[in-house]
Amino acid sequence: MTGVRAFIGLGSNLDEPEQQVLRACQELVTLSNTACLRCSSLYRSRPLGPQDQPDFINAVAELRTGLAPERLLEELQRIETSHGRVRGGERWGPRPLDLDLLLFADRVIRTPRLTVPHPGLGQRGFVLYPLLEIAGPELEIPGHGPLGPLAAACARGGLERLAASVGEPD
C-alpha cells in the first residue's frame, strides 16, 4: 500500500478501558485507504488532568495511510464517537476513548482543527514509551529530534507496561 506513516495515540479510562483500546486498535484496520501496521503494548498511566478519575490505559498504533491528515482526524473522531465519546466535556477528563493523531510522516501541521506533532508529545511518557516500543529510538519527531533521547529525558511518572505488544491487528 502506498501512503505515509502516521502514529495514533490511543487512550481510555472508562467502560472497560483495556477492551476499549484493544477494540479501537482493531477498528483502525477498517479505515479506508489505510493499513494498521502494529499496535504497542498497553500501558497504565495516571490521569494528566484532574486526579479524581480512573487511571488511563494507553497504546500507540502505527498506520500507513493514503488519507489526508484532516480526513484521518475525521475518521479517528468517528471511531471515538462509536465508543461513546462526547466532545466538549471536561478538559483532560474521563473518556471511553481518545484517539490522537501524533505524527503524520515528517510533516508539521498547524490548522484550526489539527496540530501535528501532537501538542505536548515531547513531555508525555504515556505517548513516548509506547511510540518508542514500536518505532524505535531513531524516529525523528519534527521540532524535537530523535525519539530515543526525547523519551530518555521524560520521566515515566508511574507509567506501567501491562501486556506484551498487541502486535499486528487481524
Foldseek 3Di string as FASTA:
>chain_A
DAAWKWKKKKKAQDDPQVVLRLVVLQCQCVDPQKFWQFKFFWKWAQQPPDRPGGTMIMIMIMMGGPDDPVVVVVVSVVSQVVQPADPDDDVSDHGGMDMAGQATHQDADDDPVDGYNPPPQLADLSNLVNCCRPPNQQDQGVPPGTSNVSNVVHDNRPMGGDDGTPTGHD
